[in-house]
Each structure stands twice: as structure tokens, then as C-alpha cells.
């Protein structure tokens, strides 16, 4: 059967989701002409040494950050999975559910540079086309020709990190220009990342 859908997959801790995450989602929707973009907040991240905020908070913030974008669905599948969260498992499940869709794995250039350390990265390349966002002037330094065709996404240079946002929260500094407004309100209302939390 011919490909009838173009589905993007974008994962992350989203602890918290910030404006660069949203810009990446917007670029993927626009440039890849996606029929759907699935956002997967990670469950137990195998590669992170620090504990993540509670799953319910990260899921709520992801929905506040992305739900207003047409074609985006925030999916809690990885949060419900037991044990370490692997992108490969997520893509395999999506392939079973949507066998005729073309899948795109949307990642940033920083993730692309460590891609060959991902669990089952060769198998990921059999399931999905990589779509890598360029956020740096030195474009393409991450690219390995052995990966085959890779889509390059273009987005404005945004020097944002969730680590820095959490640090600003602990210091009581404003973050309203760094995260979507609904996320900013949620963090304030729930006291996330405050020095006492």
C-alpha cells in the first residue's frame, strides 16, 4: 500500500518543555509536512543520571506546551511503560499500529551527535527517517553519511535548556520569556523546581 500518513515522533524529558521545544515541533510540522506529530514525554530515561520530575507534572506541562499546535498529540505511552524508556520500543509500537505510515524521528543536533550511543540505533534507522534540527551556525557537523537520507530542519538559534530554566526557578528568577505561558503558570502554581522542592 502507498504511504498515506507522515507521522513525526518527538520525545524528551520535557522537564520543563520550553520555547525551543515548541519551535522544533513547529518546524517539524511545517517542513516535513506532517499529518501528525506525536510528542512522547519519556518515562524512565536510560541515559539520564538525575531524577526527573513526576510523570504527571511533565505530561501536564507537555500538553500545555504543545496541544495548541494543529496536528500534535501528546502521548503518554512511554510514561506508562515499565523499566527504561527506549525510542526503539516507541517506534516499533507505532509501526505496528500504523504499518503504512512514513515515520520521522525529530531530534536536535545535540541528540544527533550522540545518536550512535542510543539503544538499537541501527534498528531505529530501519523504522524512521531522522529529522535533525539545526540550532547552530556550524550546520551538519553531527551527520554520518551511513545513516542514509536525513531531513534537516531549520529553526532560529535559541540558547535554551531545561537545566538552566530549573536553575532560574531555584533562584527565583523569571522564566516567562523561556517557556510557553501555560507552562510558566503551571510551574508557579505547583512550586516546581523551587529551592525548597
N, C-alpha and C. Protein backbone atom coordinates (compact mmCIF):
# COMPACT_ATOMS: atom_id res chain seq x y z
N UNK A 1 0.84 -1.20 0.00
CA UNK A 1 0.00 0.00 0.00
C UNK A 1 0.87 1.25 0.00
N UNK A 2 0.42 2.32 -0.64
CA UNK A 2 1.20 3.55 -0.63
C UNK A 2 1.17 4.20 0.75
N UNK A 3 2.19 5.02 1.00
CA UNK A 3 2.23 5.77 2.24
C UNK A 3 1.09 6.77 2.26
N UNK A 4 0.28 6.74 3.31
CA UNK A 4 -0.85 7.65 3.40
C UNK A 4 -0.67 8.70 4.49
N UNK A 5 0.27 8.45 5.39
CA UNK A 5 0.46 9.37 6.50
C UNK A 5 1.95 9.65 6.69
N UNK A 6 2.23 10.84 7.15
CA UNK A 6 3.58 11.22 7.53
C UNK A 6 3.52 11.59 9.02
N UNK A 7 4.10 10.74 9.85
CA UNK A 7 3.98 10.91 11.29
C UNK A 7 5.35 11.22 11.89
N UNK A 8 5.42 12.31 12.62
CA UNK A 8 6.63 12.67 13.33
C UNK A 8 6.59 12.15 14.75
N UNK A 9 7.74 11.79 15.27
CA UNK A 9 7.88 11.32 16.65
C UNK A 9 8.93 12.19 17.33
N UNK A 10 8.55 12.80 18.44
CA UNK A 10 9.45 13.69 19.15
C UNK A 10 9.37 13.37 20.64
N UNK A 11 10.47 12.94 21.22
CA UNK A 11 10.50 12.58 22.62
C UNK A 11 11.38 13.52 23.42
N UNK A 12 11.28 13.41 24.72
CA UNK A 12 12.12 14.21 25.60
C UNK A 12 11.62 14.16 27.02
N UNK A 13 12.45 14.60 27.93
CA UNK A 13 12.04 14.65 29.34
C UNK A 13 10.97 15.72 29.53
N UNK A 14 11.11 16.84 28.81
CA UNK A 14 10.19 17.99 28.95
C UNK A 14 10.05 18.37 30.42
N UNK A 15 11.22 18.65 31.02
CA UNK A 15 11.30 18.91 32.45
C UNK A 15 12.01 20.24 32.74
N UNK A 16 11.41 21.37 32.30
CA UNK A 16 10.12 21.55 31.64
C UNK A 16 10.27 21.70 30.12
N UNK A 17 9.15 21.62 29.39
CA UNK A 17 9.20 21.98 27.96
C UNK A 17 9.38 23.49 27.82
N UNK A 18 10.22 23.89 26.86
CA UNK A 18 10.48 25.32 26.70
C UNK A 18 10.24 25.75 25.25
N UNK A 19 10.52 27.01 24.98
CA UNK A 19 10.15 27.56 23.67
C UNK A 19 10.95 26.95 22.52
N UNK A 20 12.16 26.45 22.79
CA UNK A 20 12.91 25.78 21.72
C UNK A 20 12.26 24.45 21.37
N UNK A 21 11.71 23.76 22.37
CA UNK A 21 10.96 22.52 22.08
C UNK A 21 9.77 22.83 21.17
N UNK A 22 9.05 23.89 21.51
CA UNK A 22 7.88 24.24 20.72
C UNK A 22 8.29 24.67 19.30
N UNK A 23 9.38 25.42 19.19
CA UNK A 23 9.86 25.83 17.87
C UNK A 23 10.26 24.62 17.03
N UNK A 24 10.84 23.61 17.67
CA UNK A 24 11.21 22.39 16.96
C UNK A 24 9.95 21.68 16.45
N UNK A 25 8.93 21.60 17.29
CA UNK A 25 7.68 20.97 16.86
C UNK A 25 7.08 21.73 15.68
N UNK A 26 7.08 23.06 15.75
CA UNK A 26 6.53 23.87 14.66
C UNK A 26 7.32 23.65 13.37
N UNK A 27 8.66 23.60 13.46
CA UNK A 27 9.49 23.37 12.28
C UNK A 27 9.21 22.00 11.67
N UNK A 28 9.07 20.98 12.52
CA UNK A 28 8.81 19.64 12.02
C UNK A 28 7.46 19.57 11.30
N UNK A 29 6.44 20.15 11.90
CA UNK A 29 5.11 20.15 11.27
C UNK A 29 5.17 20.82 9.91
N UNK A 30 5.83 21.96 9.85
CA UNK A 30 5.86 22.77 8.64
C UNK A 30 6.76 22.16 7.56
N UNK A 31 7.98 21.83 7.92
CA UNK A 31 8.96 21.44 6.91
C UNK A 31 8.80 19.99 6.45
N UNK A 32 8.33 19.13 7.33
CA UNK A 32 8.15 17.74 6.95
C UNK A 32 6.75 17.47 6.41
N UNK A 33 5.90 18.49 6.46
CA UNK A 33 4.51 18.36 6.00
C UNK A 33 3.84 17.15 6.68
N UNK A 34 3.94 17.13 8.00
CA UNK A 34 3.42 16.01 8.77
C UNK A 34 1.90 16.03 8.83
N UNK A 35 1.31 14.85 8.76
CA UNK A 35 -0.11 14.73 9.04
C UNK A 35 -0.35 14.66 10.53
N UNK A 36 0.69 14.27 11.28
CA UNK A 36 0.57 14.14 12.74
C UNK A 36 1.95 14.20 13.36
N UNK A 37 2.06 14.85 14.51
CA UNK A 37 3.29 14.85 15.29
C UNK A 37 2.96 14.31 16.67
N UNK A 38 3.60 13.21 17.04
CA UNK A 38 3.38 12.60 18.35
C UNK A 38 4.51 13.02 19.28
N UNK A 39 4.14 13.60 20.41
CA UNK A 39 5.08 14.04 21.43
C UNK A 39 5.07 13.01 22.55
N UNK A 40 6.24 12.46 22.88
CA UNK A 40 6.33 11.42 23.91
C UNK A 40 7.20 11.89 25.07
N UNK A 41 6.60 12.36 26.17
CA UNK A 41 7.41 12.58 27.37
C UNK A 41 8.00 11.25 27.82
N UNK A 42 9.31 11.25 28.10
CA UNK A 42 9.98 10.00 28.43
C UNK A 42 9.58 9.50 29.82
N UNK A 43 9.61 8.18 29.94
CA UNK A 43 9.34 7.58 31.24
C UNK A 43 10.62 7.57 32.07
N UNK A 44 11.19 6.39 32.25
CA UNK A 44 12.45 6.26 32.97
C UNK A 44 13.57 6.36 31.95
N UNK A 45 14.17 7.53 31.84
CA UNK A 45 15.18 7.76 30.81
C UNK A 45 16.45 6.97 31.13
N UNK A 46 16.87 6.11 30.22
CA UNK A 46 18.02 5.23 30.47
C UNK A 46 19.32 6.01 30.54
N UNK A 47 19.37 7.20 29.90
CA UNK A 47 20.63 7.93 29.76
C UNK A 47 20.76 9.10 30.72
N UNK A 48 19.77 9.34 31.59
CA UNK A 48 19.83 10.49 32.49
C UNK A 48 20.19 10.02 33.90
N UNK A 49 21.20 10.68 34.48
CA UNK A 49 21.65 10.29 35.82
C UNK A 49 20.84 10.98 36.91
N UNK A 50 20.20 12.09 36.59
CA UNK A 50 19.42 12.82 37.59
C UNK A 50 17.95 12.41 37.50
N UNK A 51 17.28 12.44 38.64
CA UNK A 51 15.87 12.06 38.68
C UNK A 51 15.02 13.11 37.97
N UNK A 52 14.00 12.65 37.29
CA UNK A 52 13.08 13.55 36.60
C UNK A 52 11.95 13.95 37.53
N UNK A 53 11.30 15.05 37.21
CA UNK A 53 10.10 15.45 37.94
C UNK A 53 9.01 14.40 37.73
N UNK A 54 7.99 14.37 38.59
CA UNK A 54 6.93 13.36 38.45
C UNK A 54 6.32 13.34 37.05
N UNK A 55 5.99 12.13 36.60
CA UNK A 55 5.45 11.97 35.25
C UNK A 55 4.20 12.81 35.04
N UNK A 56 3.33 12.89 36.05
CA UNK A 56 2.08 13.63 35.88
C UNK A 56 2.35 15.11 35.60
N UNK A 57 3.36 15.67 36.25
CA UNK A 57 3.70 17.08 36.01
C UNK A 57 4.28 17.28 34.62
N UNK A 58 5.16 16.40 34.21
CA UNK A 58 5.78 16.56 32.88
C UNK A 58 4.76 16.35 31.76
N UNK A 59 3.82 15.42 31.97
CA UNK A 59 2.76 15.21 30.98
C UNK A 59 1.86 16.44 30.90
N UNK A 60 1.49 16.98 32.05
CA UNK A 60 0.63 18.17 32.06
C UNK A 60 1.32 19.35 31.38
N UNK A 61 2.60 19.54 31.66
CA UNK A 61 3.33 20.66 31.04
C UNK A 61 3.47 20.46 29.54
N UNK A 62 3.71 19.21 29.11
CA UNK A 62 3.82 18.95 27.68
C UNK A 62 2.51 19.27 26.97
N UNK A 63 1.41 18.91 27.59
CA UNK A 63 0.11 19.22 26.97
C UNK A 63 -0.12 20.73 26.90
N UNK A 64 0.28 21.45 27.94
CA UNK A 64 0.15 22.91 27.91
C UNK A 64 1.05 23.53 26.84
N UNK A 65 2.20 22.93 26.61
CA UNK A 65 3.16 23.48 25.65
C UNK A 65 2.78 23.20 24.20
N UNK A 66 2.20 22.01 23.94
CA UNK A 66 2.06 21.57 22.56
C UNK A 66 0.62 21.40 22.06
N UNK A 67 -0.35 21.26 22.94
CA UNK A 67 -1.70 20.91 22.50
C UNK A 67 -2.34 21.94 21.58
N UNK A 68 -1.88 23.18 21.63
CA UNK A 68 -2.49 24.20 20.78
C UNK A 68 -1.98 24.15 19.33
N UNK A 69 -0.98 23.32 19.07
CA UNK A 69 -0.46 23.20 17.70
C UNK A 69 -1.30 22.20 16.91
N UNK A 70 -1.82 22.60 15.75
CA UNK A 70 -2.63 21.67 14.95
C UNK A 70 -1.82 20.44 14.55
N UNK A 71 -2.43 19.27 14.71
CA UNK A 71 -1.77 18.04 14.29
C UNK A 71 -0.89 17.41 15.34
N UNK A 72 -0.78 18.01 16.52
CA UNK A 72 0.08 17.48 17.56
C UNK A 72 -0.74 16.68 18.57
N UNK A 73 -0.21 15.54 18.96
CA UNK A 73 -0.82 14.72 20.00
C UNK A 73 0.25 14.38 21.03
N UNK A 74 0.02 14.75 22.29
CA UNK A 74 0.92 14.37 23.37
C UNK A 74 0.51 12.98 23.84
N UNK A 75 1.45 12.04 23.78
CA UNK A 75 1.17 10.61 24.02
C UNK A 75 1.87 10.17 25.30
N UNK A 76 1.14 9.52 26.20
CA UNK A 76 1.73 9.10 27.48
C UNK A 76 2.23 7.66 27.46
N UNK A 77 2.42 7.08 26.27
CA UNK A 77 2.80 5.66 26.18
C UNK A 77 4.10 5.36 26.92
N UNK A 78 5.10 6.24 26.80
CA UNK A 78 6.39 5.97 27.45
C UNK A 78 6.28 6.11 28.96
N UNK A 79 5.39 6.97 29.42
CA UNK A 79 5.21 7.14 30.86
C UNK A 79 4.54 5.91 31.47
N UNK A 80 3.75 5.20 30.68
CA UNK A 80 3.05 4.02 31.18
C UNK A 80 3.90 2.75 31.09
N UNK A 81 5.00 2.82 30.37
CA UNK A 81 5.85 1.64 30.16
C UNK A 81 6.72 1.37 31.39
N UNK A 82 6.86 0.11 31.74
CA UNK A 82 7.71 -0.26 32.86
C UNK A 82 9.17 -0.35 32.42
N UNK A 83 10.08 0.01 33.31
CA UNK A 83 11.51 -0.11 33.00
C UNK A 83 12.01 1.05 32.16
N UNK A 84 13.26 0.95 31.70
CA UNK A 84 13.86 2.05 30.93
C UNK A 84 13.08 2.34 29.65
N UNK A 85 13.04 3.60 29.28
CA UNK A 85 12.33 4.04 28.07
C UNK A 85 13.30 4.09 26.90
N UNK A 86 12.98 3.37 25.84
CA UNK A 86 13.80 3.38 24.63
C UNK A 86 12.96 3.85 23.45
N UNK A 87 13.54 4.75 22.66
CA UNK A 87 12.87 5.25 21.46
C UNK A 87 12.53 4.10 20.51
N UNK A 88 13.42 3.12 20.43
CA UNK A 88 13.18 1.99 19.54
C UNK A 88 11.85 1.31 19.85
N UNK A 89 11.55 1.10 21.14
CA UNK A 89 10.29 0.45 21.52
C UNK A 89 9.09 1.29 21.07
N UNK A 90 9.22 2.60 21.24
CA UNK A 90 8.14 3.50 20.85
C UNK A 90 7.89 3.44 19.34
N UNK A 91 8.96 3.45 18.56
CA UNK A 91 8.81 3.39 17.11
C UNK A 91 8.25 2.04 16.66
N UNK A 92 8.69 0.96 17.31
CA UNK A 92 8.18 -0.36 16.94
C UNK A 92 6.67 -0.46 17.21
N UNK A 93 6.24 0.08 18.35
CA UNK A 93 4.81 0.06 18.67
C UNK A 93 4.01 0.90 17.68
N UNK A 94 4.56 2.04 17.29
CA UNK A 94 3.87 2.90 16.35
C UNK A 94 3.81 2.26 14.96
N UNK A 95 4.88 1.58 14.58
CA UNK A 95 4.90 0.89 13.29
C UNK A 95 3.83 -0.21 13.25
N UNK A 96 3.64 -0.94 14.36
CA UNK A 96 2.61 -1.97 14.41
C UNK A 96 1.22 -1.36 14.29
N UNK A 97 1.04 -0.22 14.95
CA UNK A 97 -0.28 0.43 14.94
C UNK A 97 -0.57 1.12 13.62
N UNK A 98 0.45 1.63 12.97
CA UNK A 98 0.28 2.40 11.72
C UNK A 98 1.25 1.86 10.67
N UNK A 99 1.01 0.66 10.16
CA UNK A 99 2.01 -0.01 9.31
C UNK A 99 2.32 0.70 8.01
N UNK A 100 1.44 1.55 7.53
CA UNK A 100 1.65 2.17 6.21
C UNK A 100 2.11 3.62 6.31
N UNK A 101 2.35 4.08 7.52
CA UNK A 101 2.79 5.47 7.69
C UNK A 101 4.30 5.59 7.48
N UNK A 102 4.72 6.75 7.01
CA UNK A 102 6.14 7.08 6.98
C UNK A 102 6.48 7.79 8.29
N UNK A 103 7.46 7.27 9.03
CA UNK A 103 7.79 7.80 10.34
C UNK A 103 9.05 8.66 10.27
N UNK A 104 9.02 9.75 11.00
CA UNK A 104 10.17 10.65 11.11
C UNK A 104 10.50 10.82 12.59
N UNK A 105 11.77 10.61 12.95
CA UNK A 105 12.21 10.83 14.31
C UNK A 105 12.82 12.22 14.39
N UNK A 106 12.17 13.11 15.13
CA UNK A 106 12.57 14.52 15.20
C UNK A 106 13.48 14.72 16.41
N UNK A 107 14.73 15.12 16.14
CA UNK A 107 15.70 15.33 17.21
C UNK A 107 16.50 16.61 16.95
N UNK A 108 17.18 17.07 17.98
CA UNK A 108 18.06 18.21 17.84
C UNK A 108 19.47 17.78 17.46
N UNK A 109 20.28 18.74 17.03
CA UNK A 109 21.65 18.43 16.62
C UNK A 109 22.46 17.85 17.78
N UNK A 110 22.18 18.29 19.01
CA UNK A 110 22.90 17.74 20.16
C UNK A 110 22.58 16.27 20.34
N UNK A 111 21.32 15.89 20.13
CA UNK A 111 20.94 14.48 20.21
C UNK A 111 21.55 13.68 19.06
N UNK A 112 21.63 14.31 17.89
CA UNK A 112 22.19 13.62 16.72
C UNK A 112 23.66 13.26 16.95
N UNK A 113 24.37 14.12 17.65
CA UNK A 113 25.80 13.85 17.88
C UNK A 113 26.00 12.61 18.76
N UNK A 114 25.01 12.28 19.59
CA UNK A 114 25.13 11.09 20.45
C UNK A 114 24.25 9.94 19.96
N UNK A 115 23.72 10.07 18.76
CA UNK A 115 22.72 9.10 18.28
C UNK A 115 23.25 7.67 18.27
N UNK A 116 24.52 7.48 17.92
CA UNK A 116 25.05 6.12 17.82
C UNK A 116 25.29 5.49 19.19
N UNK A 117 24.98 6.20 20.26
CA UNK A 117 25.00 5.60 21.59
C UNK A 117 23.58 5.20 22.04
N UNK A 118 22.58 5.50 21.22
CA UNK A 118 21.21 5.15 21.55
C UNK A 118 21.02 3.63 21.44
N UNK A 119 20.14 3.11 22.27
CA UNK A 119 19.80 1.69 22.23
C UNK A 119 19.17 1.35 20.87
N UNK A 120 19.78 0.39 20.18
CA UNK A 120 19.21 -0.09 18.91
C UNK A 120 19.17 0.96 17.81
N UNK A 121 20.20 1.82 17.74
CA UNK A 121 20.13 2.93 16.78
C UNK A 121 20.05 2.45 15.33
N UNK A 122 20.72 1.33 15.03
CA UNK A 122 20.64 0.83 13.64
C UNK A 122 19.21 0.42 13.31
N UNK A 123 18.52 -0.18 14.27
CA UNK A 123 17.13 -0.59 14.05
C UNK A 123 16.21 0.62 13.92
N UNK A 124 16.52 1.69 14.67
CA UNK A 124 15.74 2.92 14.55
C UNK A 124 15.77 3.43 13.11
N UNK A 125 16.96 3.36 12.49
CA UNK A 125 17.10 3.85 11.12
C UNK A 125 16.30 3.03 10.12
N UNK A 126 15.98 1.78 10.47
CA UNK A 126 15.14 0.95 9.60
C UNK A 126 13.66 1.31 9.73
N UNK A 127 13.31 1.94 10.84
CA UNK A 127 11.91 2.25 11.11
C UNK A 127 11.52 3.69 10.75
N UNK A 128 12.48 4.60 10.89
CA UNK A 128 12.14 6.02 10.75
C UNK A 128 13.27 6.78 10.07
N UNK A 129 12.88 7.86 9.41
CA UNK A 129 13.85 8.81 8.85
C UNK A 129 14.21 9.82 9.93
N UNK A 130 15.51 10.07 10.12
CA UNK A 130 15.91 11.09 11.08
C UNK A 130 15.61 12.47 10.51
N UNK A 131 15.09 13.34 11.37
CA UNK A 131 14.87 14.74 11.02
C UNK A 131 15.56 15.56 12.10
N UNK A 132 16.66 16.22 11.73
CA UNK A 132 17.54 16.86 12.71
C UNK A 132 17.45 18.37 12.59
N UNK A 133 17.20 19.01 13.71
CA UNK A 133 17.09 20.47 13.74
C UNK A 133 18.46 21.10 13.89
N UNK A 134 18.72 22.09 13.07
CA UNK A 134 19.96 22.86 13.14
C UNK A 134 19.73 24.08 14.01
N UNK A 135 20.40 24.11 15.16
CA UNK A 135 20.29 25.29 16.02
C UNK A 135 21.63 26.00 16.15
N UNK A 136 22.60 25.57 15.35
CA UNK A 136 23.94 26.12 15.49
C UNK A 136 24.45 26.62 14.14
N UNK A 137 25.33 27.62 14.15
CA UNK A 137 25.88 28.10 12.89
C UNK A 137 26.64 27.01 12.13
N UNK A 138 27.34 26.13 12.86
CA UNK A 138 28.13 25.08 12.21
C UNK A 138 27.21 23.91 11.86
N UNK A 139 26.48 24.04 10.78
CA UNK A 139 25.47 23.04 10.42
C UNK A 139 26.12 21.75 9.95
N UNK A 140 25.47 20.65 10.26
CA UNK A 140 25.82 19.37 9.69
C UNK A 140 27.00 18.66 10.32
N UNK A 141 27.59 19.18 11.39
CA UNK A 141 28.76 18.53 11.99
C UNK A 141 28.41 17.18 12.61
N UNK A 142 27.13 16.95 12.89
CA UNK A 142 26.68 15.72 13.51
C UNK A 142 26.50 14.60 12.50
N UNK A 143 26.47 14.91 11.21
CA UNK A 143 25.94 13.98 10.23
C UNK A 143 26.90 12.83 9.92
N UNK A 144 26.35 11.62 9.89
CA UNK A 144 27.07 10.43 9.46
C UNK A 144 26.41 9.93 8.18
N UNK A 145 27.14 9.93 7.06
CA UNK A 145 26.52 9.50 5.79
C UNK A 145 25.95 8.08 5.85
N UNK A 146 26.48 7.25 6.76
CA UNK A 146 25.99 5.88 6.86
C UNK A 146 24.54 5.81 7.34
N UNK A 147 24.02 6.91 7.87
CA UNK A 147 22.64 6.91 8.34
C UNK A 147 21.64 6.96 7.18
N UNK A 148 22.11 7.19 5.97
CA UNK A 148 21.20 7.33 4.85
C UNK A 148 20.60 8.71 4.79
N UNK A 149 19.45 8.82 4.15
CA UNK A 149 18.82 10.13 3.98
C UNK A 149 18.40 10.69 5.34
N UNK A 150 18.76 11.93 5.58
CA UNK A 150 18.39 12.64 6.80
C UNK A 150 17.74 13.96 6.42
N UNK A 151 16.60 14.25 7.00
CA UNK A 151 15.94 15.54 6.76
C UNK A 151 16.55 16.57 7.72
N UNK A 152 16.86 17.75 7.19
CA UNK A 152 17.37 18.82 8.04
C UNK A 152 16.27 19.84 8.27
N UNK A 153 16.01 20.14 9.53
CA UNK A 153 15.03 21.14 9.92
C UNK A 153 15.75 22.43 10.27
N UNK A 154 15.11 23.52 9.97
CA UNK A 154 15.73 24.82 10.23
C UNK A 154 14.91 25.57 11.26
N UNK A 155 15.59 26.06 12.27
CA UNK A 155 14.91 26.83 13.30
C UNK A 155 15.85 27.90 13.83
N UNK A 156 15.29 28.97 14.39
CA UNK A 156 16.14 30.05 14.87
C UNK A 156 17.06 29.58 16.00
N UNK A 157 18.21 30.22 16.10
CA UNK A 157 19.15 29.91 17.16
C UNK A 157 18.53 30.30 18.49
N UNK A 158 18.31 29.31 19.35
CA UNK A 158 17.68 29.56 20.65
C UNK A 158 18.52 28.88 21.72
N UNK A 159 19.17 29.68 22.54
CA UNK A 159 20.05 29.14 23.56
C UNK A 159 19.25 28.86 24.83
N UNK A 160 18.47 27.78 24.79
CA UNK A 160 17.61 27.42 25.91
C UNK A 160 17.93 26.00 26.37
N UNK A 161 17.87 25.79 27.67
CA UNK A 161 18.00 24.43 28.19
C UNK A 161 17.11 24.30 29.42
N UNK A 162 16.55 23.11 29.58
CA UNK A 162 15.71 22.85 30.75
C UNK A 162 16.52 22.97 32.03
N UNK A 163 17.79 22.58 31.98
CA UNK A 163 18.66 22.69 33.16
C UNK A 163 18.76 24.14 33.62
N UNK A 164 18.98 25.04 32.68
CA UNK A 164 19.09 26.46 33.02
C UNK A 164 17.77 27.00 33.56
N UNK A 165 16.66 26.56 32.98
CA UNK A 165 15.34 27.03 33.45
C UNK A 165 15.09 26.55 34.88
N UNK A 166 15.42 25.30 35.17
CA UNK A 166 15.26 24.81 36.55
C UNK A 166 16.14 25.61 37.51
N UNK A 167 17.34 25.94 37.07
CA UNK A 167 18.25 26.73 37.90
C UNK A 167 17.68 28.11 38.19
N UNK A 168 17.11 28.74 37.17
CA UNK A 168 16.50 30.05 37.36
C UNK A 168 15.33 29.98 38.35
N UNK A 169 14.55 28.89 38.26
CA UNK A 169 13.45 28.72 39.20
C UNK A 169 13.95 28.62 40.64
N UNK A 170 15.03 27.87 40.83
CA UNK A 170 15.57 27.72 42.18
C UNK A 170 16.04 29.06 42.74
N UNK A 171 16.51 29.93 41.85
CA UNK A 171 16.99 31.25 42.28
C UNK A 171 15.87 32.28 42.34
N UNK A 172 14.65 31.89 41.94
CA UNK A 172 13.54 32.82 41.95
C UNK A 172 13.56 33.82 40.81
N UNK A 173 14.27 33.50 39.73
CA UNK A 173 14.37 34.40 38.58
C UNK A 173 13.23 34.12 37.59
N UNK A 174 12.82 35.11 36.82
CA UNK A 174 11.70 34.91 35.89
C UNK A 174 12.05 33.96 34.74
N UNK A 175 11.05 33.22 34.29
CA UNK A 175 11.24 32.31 33.15
C UNK A 175 10.17 32.53 32.09
N UNK A 176 9.40 33.63 32.22
CA UNK A 176 8.25 33.82 31.34
C UNK A 176 8.62 34.00 29.88
N UNK A 177 9.87 34.37 29.57
CA UNK A 177 10.29 34.52 28.18
C UNK A 177 10.95 33.24 27.64
N UNK A 178 10.99 32.19 28.47
CA UNK A 178 11.71 30.97 28.11
C UNK A 178 10.79 29.77 27.88
N UNK A 179 9.60 29.81 28.46
CA UNK A 179 8.66 28.69 28.36
C UNK A 179 7.30 29.21 27.90
N UNK A 180 6.47 28.36 27.30
CA UNK A 180 5.11 28.80 26.97
C UNK A 180 4.37 29.29 28.21
N UNK A 181 3.45 30.23 28.01
CA UNK A 181 2.81 30.88 29.16
C UNK A 181 2.08 29.88 30.07
N UNK A 182 1.41 28.89 29.49
CA UNK A 182 0.72 27.91 30.31
C UNK A 182 1.68 27.10 31.17
N UNK A 183 2.87 26.81 30.63
CA UNK A 183 3.89 26.09 31.39
C UNK A 183 4.41 26.95 32.53
N UNK A 184 4.62 28.22 32.25
CA UNK A 184 5.08 29.15 33.28
C UNK A 184 4.09 29.20 34.44
N UNK A 185 2.82 29.29 34.12
CA UNK A 185 1.78 29.33 35.16
C UNK A 185 1.75 28.02 35.95
N UNK A 186 1.89 26.90 35.25
CA UNK A 186 1.84 25.60 35.92
C UNK A 186 3.00 25.46 36.91
N UNK A 187 4.19 25.85 36.49
CA UNK A 187 5.37 25.76 37.37
C UNK A 187 5.16 26.60 38.62
N UNK A 188 4.63 27.81 38.43
CA UNK A 188 4.39 28.69 39.58
C UNK A 188 3.32 28.11 40.51
N UNK A 189 2.24 27.63 39.94
CA UNK A 189 1.13 27.12 40.75
C UNK A 189 1.50 25.88 41.55
N UNK A 190 2.39 25.06 40.99
CA UNK A 190 2.75 23.80 41.64
C UNK A 190 4.10 23.87 42.36
N UNK A 191 4.73 25.02 42.32
CA UNK A 191 6.01 25.18 43.01
C UNK A 191 7.11 24.28 42.50
N UNK A 192 7.06 23.95 41.21
CA UNK A 192 8.09 23.08 40.64
C UNK A 192 9.43 23.80 40.60
N UNK A 193 10.48 23.05 40.86
CA UNK A 193 11.88 23.49 40.72
C UNK A 193 12.26 24.58 41.75
N UNK A 194 11.39 24.91 42.68
CA UNK A 194 11.74 25.92 43.68
C UNK A 194 12.83 25.37 44.61
N UNK A 195 13.54 26.26 45.27
CA UNK A 195 14.67 25.87 46.09
C UNK A 195 14.28 24.87 47.17
N UNK A 196 13.03 24.97 47.66
CA UNK A 196 12.61 24.09 48.74
C UNK A 196 12.07 22.76 48.26
N UNK A 197 11.87 22.63 46.93
CA UNK A 197 11.23 21.40 46.43
C UNK A 197 12.25 20.28 46.30
